[in-house]
N, C-alpha and C. Protein backbone atom coordinates (compact mmCIF):
# COMPACT_ATOMS: atom_id res chain seq x y z
N MET A 1 -22.21 164.45 -0.20
CA MET A 1 -22.06 163.01 -0.20
C MET A 1 -20.58 162.68 -0.05
N VAL A 2 -20.31 161.79 0.87
CA VAL A 2 -18.93 161.38 1.15
C VAL A 2 -18.57 160.21 0.27
N ARG A 3 -17.45 160.31 -0.40
CA ARG A 3 -16.98 159.21 -1.24
C ARG A 3 -16.21 158.22 -0.38
N MET A 4 -16.42 156.94 -0.66
CA MET A 4 -15.75 155.89 0.10
C MET A 4 -14.89 155.07 -0.85
N THR A 5 -13.80 154.56 -0.32
CA THR A 5 -12.95 153.68 -1.11
C THR A 5 -13.57 152.28 -1.07
N LEU A 6 -13.09 151.41 -1.94
CA LEU A 6 -13.58 150.04 -1.97
C LEU A 6 -13.30 149.35 -0.63
N GLU A 7 -12.16 149.60 -0.05
CA GLU A 7 -11.81 149.00 1.23
C GLU A 7 -12.76 149.46 2.33
N GLN A 8 -13.15 150.74 2.30
CA GLN A 8 -14.09 151.26 3.29
C GLN A 8 -15.47 150.63 3.12
N ILE A 9 -15.87 150.46 1.89
CA ILE A 9 -17.16 149.83 1.62
C ILE A 9 -17.17 148.40 2.13
N ARG A 10 -16.09 147.67 1.85
CA ARG A 10 -16.00 146.27 2.29
C ARG A 10 -15.96 146.17 3.81
N ALA A 11 -15.36 147.13 4.47
CA ALA A 11 -15.23 147.10 5.93
C ALA A 11 -16.52 147.54 6.63
N SER A 12 -17.38 148.27 5.94
CA SER A 12 -18.60 148.76 6.58
C SER A 12 -19.61 147.64 6.74
N LYS A 13 -20.45 147.77 7.77
CA LYS A 13 -21.48 146.78 8.02
C LYS A 13 -22.67 147.05 7.11
N PRO A 14 -23.33 146.01 6.63
CA PRO A 14 -24.51 146.24 5.80
C PRO A 14 -25.63 146.86 6.63
N LYS A 15 -26.45 147.65 5.98
CA LYS A 15 -27.55 148.32 6.67
C LYS A 15 -28.82 147.47 6.65
N ILE A 16 -28.69 146.26 6.20
CA ILE A 16 -29.84 145.36 6.12
C ILE A 16 -29.86 144.49 7.37
N ASP A 17 -31.01 144.44 8.02
CA ASP A 17 -31.17 143.62 9.20
C ASP A 17 -31.71 142.26 8.76
N LEU A 18 -30.82 141.29 8.62
CA LEU A 18 -31.22 139.97 8.13
C LEU A 18 -32.17 139.26 9.07
N THR A 19 -32.11 139.56 10.37
CA THR A 19 -33.05 138.92 11.30
C THR A 19 -34.48 139.40 11.05
N LYS A 20 -34.63 140.68 10.71
CA LYS A 20 -35.97 141.20 10.39
C LYS A 20 -36.49 140.58 9.10
N ILE A 21 -35.60 140.41 8.14
CA ILE A 21 -36.02 139.80 6.87
C ILE A 21 -36.46 138.36 7.10
N ALA A 22 -35.68 137.63 7.88
CA ALA A 22 -36.02 136.23 8.16
C ALA A 22 -37.33 136.11 8.93
N ALA A 23 -37.63 137.11 9.77
CA ALA A 23 -38.85 137.07 10.58
C ALA A 23 -40.09 137.54 9.83
N THR A 24 -39.92 138.09 8.63
CA THR A 24 -41.05 138.60 7.86
C THR A 24 -41.81 137.44 7.24
N SER A 25 -43.10 137.38 7.53
CA SER A 25 -43.94 136.29 6.99
C SER A 25 -44.57 136.72 5.67
N GLU A 26 -45.17 135.76 4.98
CA GLU A 26 -45.89 136.06 3.74
C GLU A 26 -47.05 137.01 4.02
N ALA A 27 -47.70 136.82 5.17
CA ALA A 27 -48.82 137.70 5.54
C ALA A 27 -48.33 139.14 5.72
N ASP A 28 -47.13 139.30 6.31
CA ASP A 28 -46.55 140.63 6.48
C ASP A 28 -46.30 141.28 5.11
N ILE A 29 -45.81 140.49 4.18
CA ILE A 29 -45.51 141.00 2.84
C ILE A 29 -46.80 141.47 2.16
N VAL A 30 -47.88 140.70 2.30
CA VAL A 30 -49.17 141.08 1.72
C VAL A 30 -49.65 142.39 2.32
N ILE A 31 -49.50 142.54 3.63
CA ILE A 31 -49.89 143.79 4.29
C ILE A 31 -49.08 144.96 3.78
N HIS A 32 -47.76 144.79 3.66
CA HIS A 32 -46.89 145.86 3.16
C HIS A 32 -47.24 146.23 1.72
N MET A 33 -47.53 145.24 0.90
CA MET A 33 -47.91 145.52 -0.48
C MET A 33 -49.21 146.32 -0.54
N ALA A 34 -50.18 145.96 0.29
CA ALA A 34 -51.45 146.70 0.33
C ALA A 34 -51.22 148.14 0.78
N GLU A 35 -50.34 148.31 1.77
CA GLU A 35 -50.02 149.66 2.25
C GLU A 35 -49.36 150.50 1.15
N ASP A 36 -48.60 149.83 0.28
CA ASP A 36 -47.92 150.53 -0.81
C ASP A 36 -48.80 150.69 -2.06
N GLY A 37 -50.04 150.20 -1.97
CA GLY A 37 -50.95 150.32 -3.11
C GLY A 37 -50.74 149.29 -4.19
N GLU A 38 -50.06 148.20 -3.86
CA GLU A 38 -49.82 147.13 -4.84
C GLU A 38 -50.81 145.99 -4.62
N ASP A 39 -51.14 145.31 -5.70
CA ASP A 39 -52.01 144.15 -5.63
C ASP A 39 -51.15 142.94 -5.27
N ALA A 40 -51.45 142.33 -4.13
CA ALA A 40 -50.66 141.20 -3.66
C ALA A 40 -50.96 139.92 -4.43
N ASP A 41 -52.10 139.89 -5.12
CA ASP A 41 -52.48 138.69 -5.86
C ASP A 41 -52.99 139.08 -7.24
N PRO A 42 -52.09 139.58 -8.11
CA PRO A 42 -52.56 140.04 -9.42
C PRO A 42 -53.00 138.86 -10.29
N ALA A 43 -53.98 139.13 -11.12
CA ALA A 43 -54.46 138.11 -12.07
C ALA A 43 -53.42 137.91 -13.16
N LEU A 44 -53.32 136.71 -13.62
CA LEU A 44 -52.35 136.40 -14.67
C LEU A 44 -53.01 136.34 -16.04
N ASP A 45 -53.97 137.23 -16.26
CA ASP A 45 -54.67 137.27 -17.55
C ASP A 45 -53.68 137.53 -18.68
N GLY A 46 -53.92 136.89 -19.78
CA GLY A 46 -53.11 137.13 -20.97
C GLY A 46 -51.80 136.38 -20.98
N PHE A 47 -51.50 135.63 -19.93
CA PHE A 47 -50.25 134.90 -19.90
C PHE A 47 -50.41 133.57 -20.62
N SER A 48 -49.50 133.31 -21.52
CA SER A 48 -49.47 132.00 -22.16
C SER A 48 -48.02 131.61 -22.34
N GLU A 49 -47.71 130.43 -21.89
CA GLU A 49 -46.33 129.97 -22.00
C GLU A 49 -46.04 129.63 -23.45
N GLU A 50 -45.01 130.22 -23.97
CA GLU A 50 -44.63 129.95 -25.35
C GLU A 50 -43.23 129.38 -25.36
N LEU A 51 -43.07 128.33 -26.11
CA LEU A 51 -41.74 127.74 -26.24
C LEU A 51 -40.93 128.54 -27.25
N PRO A 52 -39.66 128.73 -26.97
CA PRO A 52 -38.80 129.39 -27.96
C PRO A 52 -38.70 128.54 -29.23
N PRO A 53 -38.50 129.20 -30.37
CA PRO A 53 -38.41 128.45 -31.63
C PRO A 53 -37.35 127.34 -31.60
N ALA A 54 -36.24 127.57 -30.93
CA ALA A 54 -35.18 126.55 -30.88
C ALA A 54 -35.67 125.29 -30.18
N GLN A 55 -36.47 125.45 -29.11
CA GLN A 55 -37.00 124.27 -28.41
C GLN A 55 -38.03 123.54 -29.26
N ILE A 56 -38.86 124.29 -29.96
CA ILE A 56 -39.85 123.67 -30.84
C ILE A 56 -39.13 122.87 -31.92
N ARG A 57 -38.13 123.50 -32.52
CA ARG A 57 -37.36 122.85 -33.58
C ARG A 57 -36.68 121.59 -33.05
N ALA A 58 -36.12 121.66 -31.85
CA ALA A 58 -35.44 120.50 -31.26
C ALA A 58 -36.43 119.37 -30.97
N ARG A 59 -37.63 119.72 -30.49
CA ARG A 59 -38.66 118.71 -30.25
C ARG A 59 -39.03 117.97 -31.52
N ILE A 60 -39.11 118.73 -32.61
CA ILE A 60 -39.49 118.14 -33.90
C ILE A 60 -38.32 117.35 -34.49
N GLY A 61 -37.10 117.71 -34.10
CA GLY A 61 -35.92 117.00 -34.57
C GLY A 61 -35.42 117.49 -35.92
N MET A 62 -35.49 118.80 -36.13
CA MET A 62 -35.04 119.38 -37.39
C MET A 62 -33.85 120.29 -37.18
N THR A 63 -33.05 120.42 -38.21
CA THR A 63 -31.97 121.40 -38.21
C THR A 63 -32.58 122.77 -38.50
N GLN A 64 -31.78 123.81 -38.32
CA GLN A 64 -32.26 125.15 -38.64
C GLN A 64 -32.62 125.25 -40.12
N VAL A 65 -31.81 124.65 -40.97
CA VAL A 65 -32.06 124.72 -42.42
C VAL A 65 -33.36 124.01 -42.76
N GLU A 66 -33.58 122.81 -42.21
CA GLU A 66 -34.81 122.07 -42.49
C GLU A 66 -36.04 122.81 -41.97
N PHE A 67 -35.94 123.36 -40.76
CA PHE A 67 -37.07 124.06 -40.14
C PHE A 67 -37.39 125.32 -40.93
N ALA A 68 -36.39 126.07 -41.32
CA ALA A 68 -36.61 127.28 -42.11
C ALA A 68 -37.24 126.94 -43.46
N LYS A 69 -36.81 125.83 -44.05
CA LYS A 69 -37.35 125.43 -45.35
C LYS A 69 -38.84 125.09 -45.24
N ILE A 70 -39.22 124.34 -44.20
CA ILE A 70 -40.63 123.97 -44.06
C ILE A 70 -41.48 125.20 -43.72
N LEU A 71 -40.89 126.17 -43.00
CA LEU A 71 -41.62 127.40 -42.69
C LEU A 71 -41.60 128.40 -43.83
N GLN A 72 -40.77 128.11 -44.83
CA GLN A 72 -40.60 128.98 -46.01
C GLN A 72 -40.12 130.37 -45.60
N ILE A 73 -39.10 130.37 -44.73
CA ILE A 73 -38.48 131.63 -44.30
C ILE A 73 -36.98 131.52 -44.48
N PRO A 74 -36.27 132.64 -44.54
CA PRO A 74 -34.81 132.57 -44.61
C PRO A 74 -34.22 131.99 -43.32
N VAL A 75 -33.18 131.21 -43.45
CA VAL A 75 -32.51 130.63 -42.29
C VAL A 75 -32.02 131.76 -41.37
N ALA A 76 -31.58 132.86 -41.95
CA ALA A 76 -31.10 133.99 -41.14
C ALA A 76 -32.19 134.52 -40.22
N SER A 77 -33.43 134.55 -40.69
CA SER A 77 -34.55 135.00 -39.84
C SER A 77 -34.73 134.07 -38.66
N LEU A 78 -34.71 132.77 -38.93
CA LEU A 78 -34.85 131.78 -37.85
C LEU A 78 -33.72 131.93 -36.85
N ARG A 79 -32.51 132.06 -37.33
CA ARG A 79 -31.35 132.21 -36.43
C ARG A 79 -31.49 133.47 -35.57
N ASN A 80 -31.93 134.56 -36.19
CA ASN A 80 -32.11 135.80 -35.43
C ASN A 80 -33.17 135.63 -34.35
N TRP A 81 -34.26 134.94 -34.66
CA TRP A 81 -35.30 134.70 -33.67
C TRP A 81 -34.79 133.81 -32.55
N GLU A 82 -34.10 132.72 -32.93
CA GLU A 82 -33.61 131.78 -31.93
C GLU A 82 -32.58 132.42 -31.01
N GLN A 83 -31.78 133.31 -31.53
CA GLN A 83 -30.73 133.94 -30.72
C GLN A 83 -31.20 135.23 -30.06
N GLY A 84 -32.46 135.59 -30.26
CA GLY A 84 -33.03 136.76 -29.60
C GLY A 84 -32.56 138.09 -30.15
N ARG A 85 -31.97 138.09 -31.33
CA ARG A 85 -31.51 139.36 -31.92
C ARG A 85 -32.66 140.15 -32.53
N VAL A 86 -33.69 139.43 -32.98
CA VAL A 86 -34.85 140.07 -33.61
C VAL A 86 -36.10 139.51 -32.94
N ARG A 87 -37.04 140.39 -32.67
CA ARG A 87 -38.29 139.97 -32.06
C ARG A 87 -39.16 139.24 -33.09
N ILE A 88 -39.79 138.18 -32.65
CA ILE A 88 -40.63 137.37 -33.54
C ILE A 88 -41.94 138.12 -33.78
N ASP A 89 -42.31 138.24 -35.06
CA ASP A 89 -43.55 138.95 -35.37
C ASP A 89 -44.75 138.12 -34.93
N PRO A 90 -45.91 138.76 -34.72
CA PRO A 90 -47.08 138.06 -34.19
C PRO A 90 -47.54 136.86 -35.02
N ALA A 91 -47.49 136.96 -36.34
CA ALA A 91 -47.93 135.84 -37.19
C ALA A 91 -47.02 134.63 -36.99
N ALA A 92 -45.73 134.86 -36.94
CA ALA A 92 -44.78 133.75 -36.72
C ALA A 92 -44.95 133.19 -35.31
N ARG A 93 -45.20 134.06 -34.35
CA ARG A 93 -45.41 133.61 -32.97
C ARG A 93 -46.63 132.69 -32.90
N ALA A 94 -47.68 133.03 -33.63
CA ALA A 94 -48.88 132.18 -33.68
C ALA A 94 -48.56 130.82 -34.31
N LEU A 95 -47.77 130.85 -35.38
CA LEU A 95 -47.37 129.60 -36.02
C LEU A 95 -46.55 128.73 -35.07
N PHE A 96 -45.63 129.34 -34.32
CA PHE A 96 -44.82 128.59 -33.35
C PHE A 96 -45.71 128.00 -32.24
N ARG A 97 -46.76 128.73 -31.85
CA ARG A 97 -47.68 128.22 -30.84
C ARG A 97 -48.38 126.97 -31.37
N ILE A 98 -48.81 127.01 -32.63
CA ILE A 98 -49.45 125.84 -33.25
C ILE A 98 -48.47 124.68 -33.33
N LEU A 99 -47.25 124.98 -33.76
CA LEU A 99 -46.23 123.93 -33.87
C LEU A 99 -45.89 123.31 -32.52
N SER A 100 -45.91 124.11 -31.46
CA SER A 100 -45.58 123.57 -30.14
C SER A 100 -46.71 122.71 -29.59
N ARG A 101 -47.96 123.03 -29.95
CA ARG A 101 -49.10 122.30 -29.41
C ARG A 101 -49.43 121.04 -30.21
N ASP A 102 -49.28 121.10 -31.53
CA ASP A 102 -49.63 119.96 -32.38
C ASP A 102 -48.68 119.89 -33.57
N PRO A 103 -47.43 119.51 -33.30
CA PRO A 103 -46.44 119.53 -34.38
C PRO A 103 -46.78 118.60 -35.55
N HIS A 104 -47.38 117.46 -35.27
CA HIS A 104 -47.68 116.50 -36.34
C HIS A 104 -48.60 117.11 -37.39
N HIS A 105 -49.74 117.64 -36.94
CA HIS A 105 -50.70 118.20 -37.90
C HIS A 105 -50.20 119.52 -38.50
N ALA A 106 -49.46 120.29 -37.71
CA ALA A 106 -48.92 121.55 -38.24
C ALA A 106 -47.95 121.26 -39.38
N LEU A 107 -47.10 120.25 -39.21
CA LEU A 107 -46.13 119.92 -40.26
C LEU A 107 -46.83 119.37 -41.50
N ILE A 108 -47.90 118.63 -41.31
CA ILE A 108 -48.68 118.14 -42.46
C ILE A 108 -49.25 119.32 -43.21
N ALA A 109 -49.80 120.29 -42.48
CA ALA A 109 -50.40 121.46 -43.11
C ALA A 109 -49.33 122.31 -43.83
N LEU A 110 -48.11 122.30 -43.33
CA LEU A 110 -47.05 123.10 -43.92
C LEU A 110 -46.36 122.44 -45.12
N GLU A 111 -46.59 121.14 -45.29
CA GLU A 111 -45.95 120.45 -46.41
C GLU A 111 -46.44 121.04 -47.73
N PRO A 112 -45.54 121.19 -48.70
CA PRO A 112 -45.98 121.72 -50.00
C PRO A 112 -46.92 120.72 -50.66
N ASP A 113 -47.91 121.28 -51.34
CA ASP A 113 -48.87 120.45 -52.04
C ASP A 113 -48.24 120.00 -53.35
N LEU A 114 -47.87 118.73 -53.40
CA LEU A 114 -47.16 118.20 -54.57
C LEU A 114 -48.09 118.02 -55.76
N LYS A 115 -49.41 117.98 -55.51
CA LYS A 115 -50.35 117.79 -56.61
C LYS A 115 -50.66 119.10 -57.32
N ALA A 116 -50.42 120.21 -56.67
CA ALA A 116 -50.71 121.51 -57.30
C ALA A 116 -49.66 121.79 -58.36
N GLY A 117 -50.06 122.55 -59.31
CA GLY A 117 -49.05 122.96 -60.28
C GLY A 117 -49.43 122.67 -61.62
């Protein structure tokens, strides 16, 4: 393998034929995918759009401290989830799905029962 300097790389012509790329139709791409053994139209089973916790919290209009308090979790956990440092566990992900779909009733259900005790 021949090593090239940065100047040589910049001076060399790209090996990509942009005219061929521009002339490739969607039908051509489907044919190529089939030839490669790929499904050109895969089913999107199991896909569900989930809002990140920060967007849910912003929609509801709460601070991190308020949101963590109503969820009865440490603020640090919420921050880690919002910043992507820690993966959200499945139970919390389900709760966020409920909060994103019906925040009014979810917040009512999450309110502490003041009559208990």
